[in-house]
mmCIF file of all heavy atoms, coordinates in Angstrom:
data_MODEL
# 
_entry.id   MODEL 
# 
loop_
_atom_site.group_PDB 
_atom_site.id 
_atom_site.type_symbol 
_atom_site.label_atom_id 
_atom_site.label_alt_id 
_atom_site.label_comp_id 
_atom_site.label_asym_id 
_atom_site.label_entity_id 
_atom_site.label_seq_id 
_atom_site.pdbx_PDB_ins_code 
_atom_site.Cartn_x 
_atom_site.Cartn_y 
_atom_site.Cartn_z 
_atom_site.occupancy 
_atom_site.B_iso_or_equiv 
_atom_site.pdbx_formal_charge 
_atom_site.auth_seq_id 
_atom_site.auth_comp_id 
_atom_site.auth_asym_id 
_atom_site.auth_atom_id 
_atom_site.pdbx_PDB_model_num 
ATOM 1   N N   . ASP A 1 1  ? -5.460  -18.829 -15.347 1.00 0.00 ? 1  ASP A N   1 
ATOM 2   C CA  . ASP A 1 1  ? -6.629  -19.345 -14.608 1.00 0.00 ? 1  ASP A CA  1 
ATOM 3   C C   . ASP A 1 1  ? -7.652  -20.013 -15.555 1.00 0.00 ? 1  ASP A C   1 
ATOM 4   O O   . ASP A 1 1  ? -7.970  -19.528 -16.593 1.00 0.00 ? 1  ASP A O   1 
ATOM 5   C CB  . ASP A 1 1  ? -7.374  -18.330 -13.774 1.00 0.00 ? 1  ASP A CB  1 
ATOM 6   C CG  . ASP A 1 1  ? -8.396  -18.806 -12.759 1.00 0.00 ? 1  ASP A CG  1 
ATOM 7   O OD1 . ASP A 1 1  ? -9.434  -19.341 -13.273 1.00 0.00 ? 1  ASP A OD1 1 
ATOM 8   O OD2 . ASP A 1 1  ? -8.002  -18.755 -11.617 1.00 0.00 ? 1  ASP A OD2 1 
ATOM 9   N N   . PRO A 1 2  ? -8.121  -21.162 -15.409 1.00 0.00 ? 2  PRO A N   1 
ATOM 10  C CA  . PRO A 1 2  ? -8.962  -21.888 -16.290 1.00 0.00 ? 2  PRO A CA  1 
ATOM 11  C C   . PRO A 1 2  ? -10.346 -21.147 -16.466 1.00 0.00 ? 2  PRO A C   1 
ATOM 12  O O   . PRO A 1 2  ? -11.142 -21.486 -17.548 1.00 0.00 ? 2  PRO A O   1 
ATOM 13  C CB  . PRO A 1 2  ? -9.316  -23.194 -15.755 1.00 0.00 ? 2  PRO A CB  1 
ATOM 14  C CG  . PRO A 1 2  ? -8.894  -23.227 -14.331 1.00 0.00 ? 2  PRO A CG  1 
ATOM 15  C CD  . PRO A 1 2  ? -7.780  -22.079 -14.232 1.00 0.00 ? 2  PRO A CD  1 
ATOM 16  N N   . ARG A 1 3  ? -10.691 -20.271 -15.607 1.00 0.00 ? 3  ARG A N   1 
ATOM 17  C CA  . ARG A 1 3  ? -11.947 -19.458 -15.855 1.00 0.00 ? 3  ARG A CA  1 
ATOM 18  C C   . ARG A 1 3  ? -11.726 -18.439 -16.980 1.00 0.00 ? 3  ARG A C   1 
ATOM 19  O O   . ARG A 1 3  ? -12.717 -17.913 -17.539 1.00 0.00 ? 3  ARG A O   1 
ATOM 20  C CB  . ARG A 1 3  ? -12.282 -18.828 -14.557 1.00 0.00 ? 3  ARG A CB  1 
ATOM 21  C CG  . ARG A 1 3  ? -12.880 -19.857 -13.529 1.00 0.00 ? 3  ARG A CG  1 
ATOM 22  C CD  . ARG A 1 3  ? -12.989 -19.078 -12.166 1.00 0.00 ? 3  ARG A CD  1 
ATOM 23  N NE  . ARG A 1 3  ? -11.696 -18.942 -11.526 1.00 0.00 ? 3  ARG A NE  1 
ATOM 24  C CZ  . ARG A 1 3  ? -11.597 -18.543 -10.132 1.00 0.00 ? 3  ARG A CZ  1 
ATOM 25  N NH1 . ARG A 1 3  ? -12.657 -18.175 -9.546  1.00 0.00 ? 3  ARG A NH1 1 
ATOM 26  N NH2 . ARG A 1 3  ? -10.414 -18.526 -9.668  1.00 0.00 ? 3  ARG A NH2 1 
ATOM 27  N N   . LEU A 1 4  ? -10.560 -18.084 -17.419 1.00 0.00 ? 4  LEU A N   1 
ATOM 28  C CA  . LEU A 1 4  ? -10.244 -17.290 -18.505 1.00 0.00 ? 4  LEU A CA  1 
ATOM 29  C C   . LEU A 1 4  ? -10.024 -18.109 -19.583 1.00 0.00 ? 4  LEU A C   1 
ATOM 30  O O   . LEU A 1 4  ? -9.332  -19.262 -19.447 1.00 0.00 ? 4  LEU A O   1 
ATOM 31  C CB  . LEU A 1 4  ? -9.152  -16.295 -18.227 1.00 0.00 ? 4  LEU A CB  1 
ATOM 32  C CG  . LEU A 1 4  ? -9.302  -15.363 -17.161 1.00 0.00 ? 4  LEU A CG  1 
ATOM 33  C CD1 . LEU A 1 4  ? -8.080  -14.549 -16.922 1.00 0.00 ? 4  LEU A CD1 1 
ATOM 34  C CD2 . LEU A 1 4  ? -10.553 -14.439 -17.429 1.00 0.00 ? 4  LEU A CD2 1 
ATOM 35  N N   . THR A 1 5  ? -10.311 -17.691 -20.878 1.00 0.00 ? 5  THR A N   1 
ATOM 36  C CA  . THR A 1 5  ? -9.967  -18.514 -22.049 1.00 0.00 ? 5  THR A CA  1 
ATOM 37  C C   . THR A 1 5  ? -9.326  -17.674 -23.131 1.00 0.00 ? 5  THR A C   1 
ATOM 38  O O   . THR A 1 5  ? -9.734  -16.459 -23.178 1.00 0.00 ? 5  THR A O   1 
ATOM 39  C CB  . THR A 1 5  ? -11.358 -19.151 -22.657 1.00 0.00 ? 5  THR A CB  1 
ATOM 40  O OG1 . THR A 1 5  ? -12.352 -18.122 -22.863 1.00 0.00 ? 5  THR A OG1 1 
ATOM 41  C CG2 . THR A 1 5  ? -11.946 -20.260 -21.659 1.00 0.00 ? 5  THR A CG2 1 
ATOM 42  N N   . PRO A 1 6  ? -8.487  -18.285 -23.882 1.00 0.00 ? 6  PRO A N   1 
ATOM 43  C CA  . PRO A 1 6  ? -7.908  -17.469 -25.093 1.00 0.00 ? 6  PRO A CA  1 
ATOM 44  C C   . PRO A 1 6  ? -8.928  -16.903 -25.979 1.00 0.00 ? 6  PRO A C   1 
ATOM 45  O O   . PRO A 1 6  ? -9.877  -17.652 -26.285 1.00 0.00 ? 6  PRO A O   1 
ATOM 46  C CB  . PRO A 1 6  ? -6.993  -18.525 -25.695 1.00 0.00 ? 6  PRO A CB  1 
ATOM 47  C CG  . PRO A 1 6  ? -6.717  -19.511 -24.647 1.00 0.00 ? 6  PRO A CG  1 
ATOM 48  C CD  . PRO A 1 6  ? -7.817  -19.560 -23.823 1.00 0.00 ? 6  PRO A CD  1 
ATOM 49  N N   . GLY A 1 7  ? -8.655  -15.646 -26.402 1.00 0.00 ? 7  GLY A N   1 
ATOM 50  C CA  . GLY A 1 7  ? -9.677  -15.035 -27.288 1.00 0.00 ? 7  GLY A CA  1 
ATOM 51  C C   . GLY A 1 7  ? -10.598 -14.136 -26.685 1.00 0.00 ? 7  GLY A C   1 
ATOM 52  O O   . GLY A 1 7  ? -11.325 -13.331 -27.358 1.00 0.00 ? 7  GLY A O   1 
ATOM 53  N N   . MET A 1 8  ? -10.640 -14.121 -25.340 1.00 0.00 ? 8  MET A N   1 
ATOM 54  C CA  . MET A 1 8  ? -11.536 -13.251 -24.609 1.00 0.00 ? 8  MET A CA  1 
ATOM 55  C C   . MET A 1 8  ? -11.206 -11.802 -24.755 1.00 0.00 ? 8  MET A C   1 
ATOM 56  O O   . MET A 1 8  ? -10.030 -11.469 -25.006 1.00 0.00 ? 8  MET A O   1 
ATOM 57  C CB  . MET A 1 8  ? -11.439 -13.453 -23.034 1.00 0.00 ? 8  MET A CB  1 
ATOM 58  C CG  . MET A 1 8  ? -12.357 -14.633 -22.601 1.00 0.00 ? 8  MET A CG  1 
ATOM 59  S SD  . MET A 1 8  ? -12.301 -14.709 -20.833 1.00 0.00 ? 8  MET A SD  1 
ATOM 60  C CE  . MET A 1 8  ? -13.756 -15.734 -20.531 1.00 0.00 ? 8  MET A CE  1 
ATOM 61  N N   . THR A 1 9  ? -12.139 -10.855 -25.022 1.00 0.00 ? 9  THR A N   1 
ATOM 62  C CA  . THR A 1 9  ? -11.875 -9.511  -25.116 1.00 0.00 ? 9  THR A CA  1 
ATOM 63  C C   . THR A 1 9  ? -11.702 -8.973  -23.716 1.00 0.00 ? 9  THR A C   1 
ATOM 64  O O   . THR A 1 9  ? -12.047 -9.533  -22.701 1.00 0.00 ? 9  THR A O   1 
ATOM 65  C CB  . THR A 1 9  ? -13.143 -8.784  -25.800 1.00 0.00 ? 9  THR A CB  1 
ATOM 66  O OG1 . THR A 1 9  ? -14.179 -8.951  -25.089 1.00 0.00 ? 9  THR A OG1 1 
ATOM 67  C CG2 . THR A 1 9  ? -13.330 -9.417  -27.206 1.00 0.00 ? 9  THR A CG2 1 
ATOM 68  N N   . ALA A 1 10 ? -11.380 -7.661  -23.612 1.00 0.00 ? 10 ALA A N   1 
ATOM 69  C CA  . ALA A 1 10 ? -11.246 -7.057  -22.330 1.00 0.00 ? 10 ALA A CA  1 
ATOM 70  C C   . ALA A 1 10 ? -12.581 -6.975  -21.573 1.00 0.00 ? 10 ALA A C   1 
ATOM 71  O O   . ALA A 1 10 ? -12.760 -7.173  -20.366 1.00 0.00 ? 10 ALA A O   1 
ATOM 72  C CB  . ALA A 1 10 ? -10.659 -5.552  -22.527 1.00 0.00 ? 10 ALA A CB  1 
ATOM 73  N N   . ALA A 1 11 ? -13.639 -6.643  -22.358 1.00 0.00 ? 11 ALA A N   1 
ATOM 74  C CA  . ALA A 1 11 ? -15.013 -6.554  -21.734 1.00 0.00 ? 11 ALA A CA  1 
ATOM 75  C C   . ALA A 1 11 ? -15.509 -7.879  -21.204 1.00 0.00 ? 11 ALA A C   1 
ATOM 76  O O   . ALA A 1 11 ? -16.135 -7.862  -20.198 1.00 0.00 ? 11 ALA A O   1 
ATOM 77  C CB  . ALA A 1 11 ? -16.019 -6.157  -22.795 1.00 0.00 ? 11 ALA A CB  1 
ATOM 78  N N   . GLU A 1 12 ? -15.091 -8.974  -21.907 1.00 0.00 ? 12 GLU A N   1 
ATOM 79  C CA  . GLU A 1 12 ? -15.524 -10.298 -21.551 1.00 0.00 ? 12 GLU A CA  1 
ATOM 80  C C   . GLU A 1 12 ? -14.708 -10.807 -20.344 1.00 0.00 ? 12 GLU A C   1 
ATOM 81  O O   . GLU A 1 12 ? -15.205 -11.377 -19.330 1.00 0.00 ? 12 GLU A O   1 
ATOM 82  C CB  . GLU A 1 12 ? -15.450 -11.385 -22.636 1.00 0.00 ? 12 GLU A CB  1 
ATOM 83  C CG  . GLU A 1 12 ? -16.282 -11.176 -23.772 1.00 0.00 ? 12 GLU A CG  1 
ATOM 84  C CD  . GLU A 1 12 ? -15.939 -11.908 -24.996 1.00 0.00 ? 12 GLU A CD  1 
ATOM 85  O OE1 . GLU A 1 12 ? -14.731 -12.218 -25.153 1.00 0.00 ? 12 GLU A OE1 1 
ATOM 86  O OE2 . GLU A 1 12 ? -16.754 -12.200 -25.799 1.00 0.00 ? 12 GLU A OE2 1 
ATOM 87  N N   . ALA A 1 13 ? -13.458 -10.362 -20.325 1.00 0.00 ? 13 ALA A N   1 
ATOM 88  C CA  . ALA A 1 13 ? -12.552 -10.941 -19.208 1.00 0.00 ? 13 ALA A CA  1 
ATOM 89  C C   . ALA A 1 13 ? -12.621 -10.143 -17.982 1.00 0.00 ? 13 ALA A C   1 
ATOM 90  O O   . ALA A 1 13 ? -12.416 -10.791 -16.998 1.00 0.00 ? 13 ALA A O   1 
ATOM 91  C CB  . ALA A 1 13 ? -11.146 -10.911 -19.738 1.00 0.00 ? 13 ALA A CB  1 
ATOM 92  N N   . ALA A 1 14 ? -12.961 -8.767  -18.080 1.00 0.00 ? 14 ALA A N   1 
ATOM 93  C CA  . ALA A 1 14 ? -12.856 -7.911  -16.872 1.00 0.00 ? 14 ALA A CA  1 
ATOM 94  C C   . ALA A 1 14 ? -13.628 -8.421  -15.695 1.00 0.00 ? 14 ALA A C   1 
ATOM 95  O O   . ALA A 1 14 ? -13.039 -8.424  -14.486 1.00 0.00 ? 14 ALA A O   1 
ATOM 96  C CB  . ALA A 1 14 ? -13.278 -6.503  -17.270 1.00 0.00 ? 14 ALA A CB  1 
ATOM 97  N N   . PRO A 1 15 ? -14.764 -8.757  -15.711 1.00 0.00 ? 15 PRO A N   1 
ATOM 98  C CA  . PRO A 1 15 ? -15.614 -9.235  -14.541 1.00 0.00 ? 15 PRO A CA  1 
ATOM 99  C C   . PRO A 1 15 ? -15.042 -10.542 -13.927 1.00 0.00 ? 15 PRO A C   1 
ATOM 100 O O   . PRO A 1 15 ? -15.072 -10.679 -12.683 1.00 0.00 ? 15 PRO A O   1 
ATOM 101 C CB  . PRO A 1 15 ? -17.035 -9.272  -14.928 1.00 0.00 ? 15 PRO A CB  1 
ATOM 102 C CG  . PRO A 1 15 ? -17.015 -9.555  -16.447 1.00 0.00 ? 15 PRO A CG  1 
ATOM 103 C CD  . PRO A 1 15 ? -15.752 -8.736  -16.889 1.00 0.00 ? 15 PRO A CD  1 
ATOM 104 N N   . ILE A 1 16 ? -14.653 -11.358 -14.733 1.00 0.00 ? 16 ILE A N   1 
ATOM 105 C CA  . ILE A 1 16 ? -14.027 -12.705 -14.243 1.00 0.00 ? 16 ILE A CA  1 
ATOM 106 C C   . ILE A 1 16 ? -12.738 -12.378 -13.587 1.00 0.00 ? 16 ILE A C   1 
ATOM 107 O O   . ILE A 1 16 ? -12.370 -12.837 -12.429 1.00 0.00 ? 16 ILE A O   1 
ATOM 108 C CB  . ILE A 1 16 ? -13.828 -13.628 -15.380 1.00 0.00 ? 16 ILE A CB  1 
ATOM 109 C CG1 . ILE A 1 16 ? -15.174 -13.875 -16.067 1.00 0.00 ? 16 ILE A CG1 1 
ATOM 110 C CG2 . ILE A 1 16 ? -13.146 -14.991 -14.959 1.00 0.00 ? 16 ILE A CG2 1 
ATOM 111 C CD1 . ILE A 1 16 ? -14.957 -14.706 -17.406 1.00 0.00 ? 16 ILE A CD1 1 
ATOM 112 N N   . VAL A 1 17 ? -11.876 -11.514 -14.101 1.00 0.00 ? 17 VAL A N   1 
ATOM 113 C CA  . VAL A 1 17 ? -10.601 -11.116 -13.585 1.00 0.00 ? 17 VAL A CA  1 
ATOM 114 C C   . VAL A 1 17 ? -10.835 -10.418 -12.174 1.00 0.00 ? 17 VAL A C   1 
ATOM 115 O O   . VAL A 1 17 ? -10.048 -10.751 -11.297 1.00 0.00 ? 17 VAL A O   1 
ATOM 116 C CB  . VAL A 1 17 ? -9.815  -10.126 -14.521 1.00 0.00 ? 17 VAL A CB  1 
ATOM 117 C CG1 . VAL A 1 17 ? -8.704  -9.521  -13.844 1.00 0.00 ? 17 VAL A CG1 1 
ATOM 118 C CG2 . VAL A 1 17 ? -9.490  -10.922 -15.787 1.00 0.00 ? 17 VAL A CG2 1 
ATOM 119 N N   . GLN A 1 18 ? -11.799 -9.601  -12.119 1.00 0.00 ? 18 GLN A N   1 
ATOM 120 C CA  . GLN A 1 18 ? -12.073 -9.003  -10.776 1.00 0.00 ? 18 GLN A CA  1 
ATOM 121 C C   . GLN A 1 18 ? -12.480 -9.988  -9.745  1.00 0.00 ? 18 GLN A C   1 
ATOM 122 O O   . GLN A 1 18 ? -12.063 -9.917  -8.595  1.00 0.00 ? 18 GLN A O   1 
ATOM 123 C CB  . GLN A 1 18 ? -13.163 -7.984  -10.897 1.00 0.00 ? 18 GLN A CB  1 
ATOM 124 C CG  . GLN A 1 18 ? -13.460 -7.157  -9.773  1.00 0.00 ? 18 GLN A CG  1 
ATOM 125 C CD  . GLN A 1 18 ? -12.379 -6.372  -9.214  1.00 0.00 ? 18 GLN A CD  1 
ATOM 126 O OE1 . GLN A 1 18 ? -11.790 -5.364  -9.931  1.00 0.00 ? 18 GLN A OE1 1 
ATOM 127 N NE2 . GLN A 1 18 ? -11.701 -6.750  -8.056  1.00 0.00 ? 18 GLN A NE2 1 
ATOM 128 N N   . THR A 1 19 ? -13.223 -10.965 -10.069 1.00 0.00 ? 19 THR A N   1 
ATOM 129 C CA  . THR A 1 19 ? -13.722 -11.967 -9.165  1.00 0.00 ? 19 THR A CA  1 
ATOM 130 C C   . THR A 1 19 ? -12.390 -12.818 -8.741  1.00 0.00 ? 19 THR A C   1 
ATOM 131 O O   . THR A 1 19 ? -12.150 -13.150 -7.565  1.00 0.00 ? 19 THR A O   1 
ATOM 132 C CB  . THR A 1 19 ? -14.665 -13.030 -9.876  1.00 0.00 ? 19 THR A CB  1 
ATOM 133 O OG1 . THR A 1 19 ? -15.886 -12.343 -10.222 1.00 0.00 ? 19 THR A OG1 1 
ATOM 134 C CG2 . THR A 1 19 ? -15.000 -14.125 -8.899  1.00 0.00 ? 19 THR A CG2 1 
ATOM 135 N N   . ILE A 1 20 ? -11.577 -13.051 -9.668  1.00 0.00 ? 20 ILE A N   1 
ATOM 136 C CA  . ILE A 1 20 ? -10.338 -13.877 -9.263  1.00 0.00 ? 20 ILE A CA  1 
ATOM 137 C C   . ILE A 1 20 ? -9.389  -13.126 -8.451  1.00 0.00 ? 20 ILE A C   1 
ATOM 138 O O   . ILE A 1 20 ? -8.895  -13.600 -7.472  1.00 0.00 ? 20 ILE A O   1 
ATOM 139 C CB  . ILE A 1 20 ? -9.596  -14.396 -10.584 1.00 0.00 ? 20 ILE A CB  1 
ATOM 140 C CG1 . ILE A 1 20 ? -10.592 -15.350 -11.292 1.00 0.00 ? 20 ILE A CG1 1 
ATOM 141 C CG2 . ILE A 1 20 ? -8.310  -15.116 -10.113 1.00 0.00 ? 20 ILE A CG2 1 
ATOM 142 C CD1 . ILE A 1 20 ? -10.018 -15.676 -12.776 1.00 0.00 ? 20 ILE A CD1 1 
ATOM 143 N N   . ALA A 1 21 ? -9.236  -11.846 -8.758  1.00 0.00 ? 21 ALA A N   1 
ATOM 144 C CA  . ALA A 1 21 ? -8.323  -10.904 -7.998  1.00 0.00 ? 21 ALA A CA  1 
ATOM 145 C C   . ALA A 1 21 ? -9.005  -10.786 -6.588  1.00 0.00 ? 21 ALA A C   1 
ATOM 146 O O   . ALA A 1 21 ? -8.163  -10.788 -5.509  1.00 0.00 ? 21 ALA A O   1 
ATOM 147 C CB  . ALA A 1 21 ? -8.197  -9.518  -8.763  1.00 0.00 ? 21 ALA A CB  1 
ATOM 148 N N   . THR A 1 22 ? -10.199 -10.700 -6.464  1.00 0.00 ? 22 THR A N   1 
ATOM 149 C CA  . THR A 1 22 ? -10.839 -10.621 -5.110  1.00 0.00 ? 22 THR A CA  1 
ATOM 150 C C   . THR A 1 22 ? -10.628 -11.836 -4.326  1.00 0.00 ? 22 THR A C   1 
ATOM 151 O O   . THR A 1 22 ? -10.246 -11.761 -3.055  1.00 0.00 ? 22 THR A O   1 
ATOM 152 C CB  . THR A 1 22 ? -12.345 -10.354 -5.271  1.00 0.00 ? 22 THR A CB  1 
ATOM 153 O OG1 . THR A 1 22 ? -12.561 -9.086  -6.017  1.00 0.00 ? 22 THR A OG1 1 
ATOM 154 C CG2 . THR A 1 22 ? -12.989 -10.148 -3.816  1.00 0.00 ? 22 THR A CG2 1 
ATOM 155 N N   . GLU A 1 23 ? -10.640 -12.913 -4.967  1.00 0.00 ? 23 GLU A N   1 
ATOM 156 C CA  . GLU A 1 23 ? -10.331 -14.303 -4.262  1.00 0.00 ? 23 GLU A CA  1 
ATOM 157 C C   . GLU A 1 23 ? -8.884  -14.257 -3.731  1.00 0.00 ? 23 GLU A C   1 
ATOM 158 O O   . GLU A 1 23 ? -8.557  -14.817 -2.553  1.00 0.00 ? 23 GLU A O   1 
ATOM 159 C CB  . GLU A 1 23 ? -10.613 -15.377 -5.198  1.00 0.00 ? 23 GLU A CB  1 
ATOM 160 C CG  . GLU A 1 23 ? -12.060 -15.652 -5.470  1.00 0.00 ? 23 GLU A CG  1 
ATOM 161 C CD  . GLU A 1 23 ? -12.236 -16.699 -6.501  1.00 0.00 ? 23 GLU A CD  1 
ATOM 162 O OE1 . GLU A 1 23 ? -11.308 -17.307 -7.026  1.00 0.00 ? 23 GLU A OE1 1 
ATOM 163 O OE2 . GLU A 1 23 ? -13.435 -17.076 -6.847  1.00 0.00 ? 23 GLU A OE2 1 
ATOM 164 N N   . TYR A 1 24 ? -7.962  -13.775 -4.613  1.00 0.00 ? 24 TYR A N   1 
ATOM 165 C CA  . TYR A 1 24 ? -6.585  -13.767 -4.216  1.00 0.00 ? 24 TYR A CA  1 
ATOM 166 C C   . TYR A 1 24 ? -6.355  -12.989 -2.896  1.00 0.00 ? 24 TYR A C   1 
ATOM 167 O O   . TYR A 1 24 ? -5.743  -13.431 -1.926  1.00 0.00 ? 24 TYR A O   1 
ATOM 168 C CB  . TYR A 1 24 ? -5.671  -13.136 -5.200  1.00 0.00 ? 24 TYR A CB  1 
ATOM 169 C CG  . TYR A 1 24 ? -5.545  -14.021 -6.545  1.00 0.00 ? 24 TYR A CG  1 
ATOM 170 C CD1 . TYR A 1 24 ? -4.964  -13.353 -7.695  1.00 0.00 ? 24 TYR A CD1 1 
ATOM 171 C CD2 . TYR A 1 24 ? -5.772  -15.254 -6.575  1.00 0.00 ? 24 TYR A CD2 1 
ATOM 172 C CE1 . TYR A 1 24 ? -4.703  -14.080 -8.818  1.00 0.00 ? 24 TYR A CE1 1 
ATOM 173 C CE2 . TYR A 1 24 ? -5.532  -16.014 -7.750  1.00 0.00 ? 24 TYR A CE2 1 
ATOM 174 C CZ  . TYR A 1 24 ? -5.069  -15.336 -8.931  1.00 0.00 ? 24 TYR A CZ  1 
ATOM 175 O OH  . TYR A 1 24 ? -4.839  -16.099 -9.949  1.00 0.00 ? 24 TYR A OH  1 
ATOM 176 N N   . PHE A 1 25 ? -7.080  -11.812 -2.875  1.00 0.00 ? 25 PHE A N   1 
ATOM 177 C CA  . PHE A 1 25 ? -6.806  -10.974 -1.644  1.00 0.00 ? 25 PHE A CA  1 
ATOM 178 C C   . PHE A 1 25 ? -7.576  -11.417 -0.390  1.00 0.00 ? 25 PHE A C   1 
ATOM 179 O O   . PHE A 1 25 ? -7.274  -11.146 0.614   1.00 0.00 ? 25 PHE A O   1 
ATOM 180 C CB  . PHE A 1 25 ? -7.136  -9.544  -1.971  1.00 0.00 ? 25 PHE A CB  1 
ATOM 181 C CG  . PHE A 1 25 ? -6.127  -8.783  -2.750  1.00 0.00 ? 25 PHE A CG  1 
ATOM 182 C CD1 . PHE A 1 25 ? -6.044  -8.992  -4.086  1.00 0.00 ? 25 PHE A CD1 1 
ATOM 183 C CD2 . PHE A 1 25 ? -5.247  -7.954  -2.059  1.00 0.00 ? 25 PHE A CD2 1 
ATOM 184 C CE1 . PHE A 1 25 ? -4.833  -8.325  -4.697  1.00 0.00 ? 25 PHE A CE1 1 
ATOM 185 C CE2 . PHE A 1 25 ? -4.190  -7.250  -2.768  1.00 0.00 ? 25 PHE A CE2 1 
ATOM 186 C CZ  . PHE A 1 25 ? -4.088  -7.592  -4.064  1.00 0.00 ? 25 PHE A CZ  1 
ATOM 187 N N   . ALA A 1 26 ? -8.491  -12.266 -0.693  1.00 0.00 ? 26 ALA A N   1 
ATOM 188 C CA  . ALA A 1 26 ? -9.360  -12.865 0.419   1.00 0.00 ? 26 ALA A CA  1 
ATOM 189 C C   . ALA A 1 26 ? -8.581  -14.218 0.863   1.00 0.00 ? 26 ALA A C   1 
ATOM 190 O O   . ALA A 1 26 ? -9.029  -14.862 1.853   1.00 0.00 ? 26 ALA A O   1 
ATOM 191 C CB  . ALA A 1 26 ? -10.771 -13.187 -0.030  1.00 0.00 ? 26 ALA A CB  1 
ATOM 192 N N   . GLY A 1 27 ? -7.629  -14.559 0.251   1.00 0.00 ? 27 GLY A N   1 
ATOM 193 C CA  . GLY A 1 27 ? -6.899  -15.768 0.577   1.00 0.00 ? 27 GLY A CA  1 
ATOM 194 C C   . GLY A 1 27 ? -7.634  -17.075 0.282   1.00 0.00 ? 27 GLY A C   1 
ATOM 195 O O   . GLY A 1 27 ? -7.336  -18.126 0.957   1.00 0.00 ? 27 GLY A O   1 
# 
């Protein structure tokens, strides 16, 4: 997903990942 970028740490990526995952389940 373009909202994630190479080099991100777990702390940096986690909130963005949660947003994207929520979008997946909301269709």
